[in-house]
Amino acid sequence: MKLCSACQKPLQGGLVMGGTPLCRECEPDIRDLVKQTRDTGKPVNIAHIARRYFKKNHAWDKTTDTFPLSSPPGELWAWLEVHAKQEGSNVREIILKALYEYQSRQSE
């Protein structure tokens, strides 16, 4: 499952801008930030712009931009790494996907 780089929500009908996946909701804000960056004459890196946008608007802990996961069992972490690689994903995306699926089940 692909996630929007600007909000980390699952993509449903999103787009890719400069190689960076974005949802339709975040795209206008990112496009504005790209324009502002271009107007200053600085080089545009959409992935960095989306990451800064996420840190500013969606990060759990705005001081560290982390969501701590203390001491996951080694065998679970190893399993996650193997399966993430097989899916062409990463551990973070798999954990977020599982959390979104759990939230969806709880909301029903």
C-alpha atoms as a PDB file:
ATOM      1  CA  MET A   1       0.000   0.000   0.000  1.00  0.00           C
ATOM      2  CA  LYS A   2       1.360   3.385  -0.998  1.00  0.00           C
ATOM      3  CA  LEU A   3       1.092   6.294   1.405  1.00  0.00           C
ATOM      4  CA  CYS A   4       0.926  10.002   0.715  1.00  0.00           C
ATOM      5  CA  SER A   5       4.330  11.506   1.497  1.00  0.00           C
ATOM      6  CA  ALA A   6       2.715  14.651   2.924  1.00  0.00           C
ATOM      7  CA  CYS A   7       0.180  13.115   5.341  1.00  0.00           C
ATOM      8  CA  GLN A   8       1.095   9.394   5.463  1.00  0.00           C
ATOM      9  CA  LYS A   9      -2.488   8.325   4.746  1.00  0.00           C
ATOM     10  CA  PRO A  10      -3.167   5.503   2.266  1.00  0.00           C
ATOM     11  CA  LEU A  11      -3.351   6.734  -1.316  1.00  0.00           C
ATOM     12  CA  GLN A  12      -6.700   6.361  -3.012  1.00  0.00           C
ATOM     13  CA  GLY A  13      -6.616   7.970  -6.441  1.00  0.00           C
ATOM     14  CA  GLY A  14      -3.595  10.093  -5.681  1.00  0.00           C
ATOM     15  CA  LEU A  15      -0.839  11.264  -7.982  1.00  0.00           C
ATOM     16  CA  VAL A  16       2.927  11.322  -8.208  1.00  0.00           C
ATOM     17  CA  MET A  17       4.720  14.664  -8.368  1.00  0.00           C
ATOM     18  CA  GLY A  18       8.462  14.583  -8.948  1.00  0.00           C
ATOM     19  CA  GLY A  19       8.511  10.907  -7.970  1.00  0.00           C
ATOM     20  CA  THR A  20       6.723  11.671  -4.700  1.00  0.00           C
ATOM     21  CA  PRO A  21       3.302  10.080  -4.065  1.00  0.00           C
ATOM     22  CA  LEU A  22       0.660  12.586  -2.904  1.00  0.00           C
ATOM     23  CA  CYS A  23      -3.034  12.358  -2.132  1.00  0.00           C
ATOM     24  CA  ARG A  24      -5.469  14.732  -3.805  1.00  0.00           C
ATOM     25  CA  GLU A  25      -6.048  16.474  -0.479  1.00  0.00           C
ATOM     26  CA  CYS A  26      -2.377  17.394   0.056  1.00  0.00           C
ATOM     27  CA  GLU A  27      -1.470  18.093  -3.570  1.00  0.00           C
ATOM     28  CA  PRO A  28      -2.655  21.758  -3.670  1.00  0.00           C
ATOM     29  CA  ASP A  29      -0.664  22.633  -0.530  1.00  0.00           C
ATOM     30  CA  ILE A  30       2.456  20.903  -1.843  1.00  0.00           C
ATOM     31  CA  ARG A  31       2.047  22.612  -5.227  1.00  0.00           C
ATOM     32  CA  ASP A  32       1.885  26.000  -3.410  1.00  0.00           C
ATOM     33  CA  LEU A  33       5.015  25.174  -1.421  1.00  0.00           C
ATOM     34  CA  VAL A  34       6.815  24.127  -4.626  1.00  0.00           C
ATOM     35  CA  LYS A  35       5.876  27.475  -6.191  1.00  0.00           C
ATOM     36  CA  GLN A  36       7.114  29.364  -3.122  1.00  0.00           C
ATOM     37  CA  THR A  37      10.409  27.454  -3.255  1.00  0.00           C
ATOM     38  CA  ARG A  38      10.833  28.158  -6.967  1.00  0.00           C
ATOM     39  CA  ASP A  39      10.057  31.846  -6.386  1.00  0.00           C
ATOM     40  CA  THR A  40      12.964  32.075  -3.931  1.00  0.00           C
ATOM     41  CA  GLY A  41      15.309  30.582  -6.518  1.00  0.00           C
ATOM     42  CA  LYS A  42      16.109  27.554  -4.396  1.00  0.00           C
ATOM     43  CA  PRO A  43      16.258  24.060  -5.935  1.00  0.00           C
ATOM     44  CA  VAL A  44      12.971  22.160  -5.668  1.00  0.00           C
ATOM     45  CA  ASN A  45      12.936  18.748  -4.016  1.00  0.00           C
ATOM     46  CA  ILE A  46       9.316  17.644  -3.697  1.00  0.00           C
ATOM     47  CA  ALA A  47      10.132  14.740  -1.371  1.00  0.00           C
ATOM     48  CA  HIS A  48      11.787  17.166   1.071  1.00  0.00           C
ATOM     49  CA  ILE A  49       8.918  19.625   0.772  1.00  0.00           C
ATOM     50  CA  ALA A  50       6.375  16.862   1.484  1.00  0.00           C
ATOM     51  CA  ARG A  51       8.405  15.658   4.477  1.00  0.00           C
ATOM     52  CA  ARG A  52       8.591  19.173   5.946  1.00  0.00           C
ATOM     53  CA  TYR A  53       4.839  19.529   5.360  1.00  0.00           C
ATOM     54  CA  PHE A  54       4.242  16.270   7.227  1.00  0.00           C
ATOM     55  CA  LYS A  55       6.458  17.341  10.127  1.00  0.00           C
ATOM     56  CA  LYS A  56       4.650  20.664  10.409  1.00  0.00           C
ATOM     57  CA  ASN A  57       1.079  19.410  10.029  1.00  0.00           C
ATOM     58  CA  HIS A  58       0.850  15.736  10.917  1.00  0.00           C
ATOM     59  CA  ALA A  59       3.771  14.506  13.032  1.00  0.00           C
ATOM     60  CA  TRP A  60       2.872  12.858  16.321  1.00  0.00           C
ATOM     61  CA  ASP A  61       5.691  14.461  18.268  1.00  0.00           C
ATOM     62  CA  LYS A  62       6.552  17.733  16.598  1.00  0.00           C
ATOM     63  CA  THR A  63       9.817  18.048  18.523  1.00  0.00           C
ATOM     64  CA  THR A  64      11.316  14.739  17.362  1.00  0.00           C
ATOM     65  CA  ASP A  65       9.016  13.647  14.495  1.00  0.00           C
ATOM     66  CA  THR A  66       8.903  10.160  15.944  1.00  0.00           C
ATOM     67  CA  PHE A  67       6.378   7.752  17.266  1.00  0.00           C
ATOM     68  CA  PRO A  68       8.335   5.542  19.653  1.00  0.00           C
ATOM     69  CA  LEU A  69       7.971   1.796  19.416  1.00  0.00           C
ATOM     70  CA  SER A  70       9.962   0.478  22.352  1.00  0.00           C
ATOM     71  CA  SER A  71      11.794  -2.798  22.044  1.00  0.00           C
ATOM     72  CA  PRO A  72       9.714  -4.813  19.565  1.00  0.00           C
ATOM     73  CA  PRO A  73      10.552  -8.514  19.801  1.00  0.00           C
ATOM     74  CA  GLY A  74      13.536  -9.300  17.571  1.00  0.00           C
ATOM     75  CA  GLU A  75      11.813 -12.103  15.688  1.00  0.00           C
ATOM     76  CA  LEU A  76       8.820  -9.859  14.924  1.00  0.00           C
ATOM     77  CA  TRP A  77      11.073  -7.064  13.661  1.00  0.00           C
ATOM     78  CA  ALA A  78      13.042  -9.510  11.505  1.00  0.00           C
ATOM     79  CA  TRP A  79       9.787 -10.899  10.061  1.00  0.00           C
ATOM     80  CA  LEU A  80       8.574  -7.365   9.295  1.00  0.00           C
ATOM     81  CA  GLU A  81      11.818  -6.480   7.513  1.00  0.00           C
ATOM     82  CA  VAL A  82      11.671  -9.622   5.327  1.00  0.00           C
ATOM     83  CA  HIS A  83       8.013  -9.126   4.402  1.00  0.00           C
ATOM     84  CA  ALA A  84       8.452  -5.414   3.755  1.00  0.00           C
ATOM     85  CA  LYS A  85      11.248  -6.167   1.303  1.00  0.00           C
ATOM     86  CA  GLN A  86       9.125  -8.855  -0.402  1.00  0.00           C
ATOM     87  CA  GLU A  87       6.268  -6.359  -0.805  1.00  0.00           C
ATOM     88  CA  GLY A  88       8.571  -3.612  -2.064  1.00  0.00           C
ATOM     89  CA  SER A  89       7.696  -1.614   1.020  1.00  0.00           C
ATOM     90  CA  ASN A  90       9.288  -0.802   4.369  1.00  0.00           C
ATOM     91  CA  VAL A  91       8.561  -1.576   8.013  1.00  0.00           C
ATOM     92  CA  ARG A  92       7.110   1.871   8.644  1.00  0.00           C
ATOM     93  CA  GLU A  93       4.560   1.513   5.831  1.00  0.00           C
ATOM     94  CA  ILE A  94       3.535  -1.955   7.044  1.00  0.00           C
ATOM     95  CA  ILE A  95       3.035  -0.696  10.610  1.00  0.00           C
ATOM     96  CA  LEU A  96       1.023   2.305   9.392  1.00  0.00           C
ATOM     97  CA  LYS A  97      -1.078   0.048   7.151  1.00  0.00           C
ATOM     98  CA  ALA A  98      -1.821  -2.240  10.112  1.00  0.00           C
ATOM     99  CA  LEU A  99      -2.776   0.732  12.282  1.00  0.00           C
ATOM    100  CA  TYR A 100      -5.107   2.129   9.603  1.00  0.00           C
ATOM    101  CA  GLU A 101      -6.739  -1.290   9.160  1.00  0.00           C
ATOM    102  CA  TYR A 102      -7.179  -1.594  12.923  1.00  0.00           C
ATOM    103  CA  GLN A 103      -8.696   1.883  13.095  1.00  0.00           C
ATOM    104  CA  SER A 104     -11.062   1.009  10.270  1.00  0.00           C
ATOM    105  CA  ARG A 105     -12.236  -2.177  12.033  1.00  0.00           C
ATOM    106  CA  GLN A 106     -12.766  -0.289  15.305  1.00  0.00           C
ATOM    107  CA  SER A 107     -14.811   2.399  13.560  1.00  0.00           C
ATOM    108  CA  GLU A 108     -17.307  -0.064  12.105  1.00  0.00           C
END
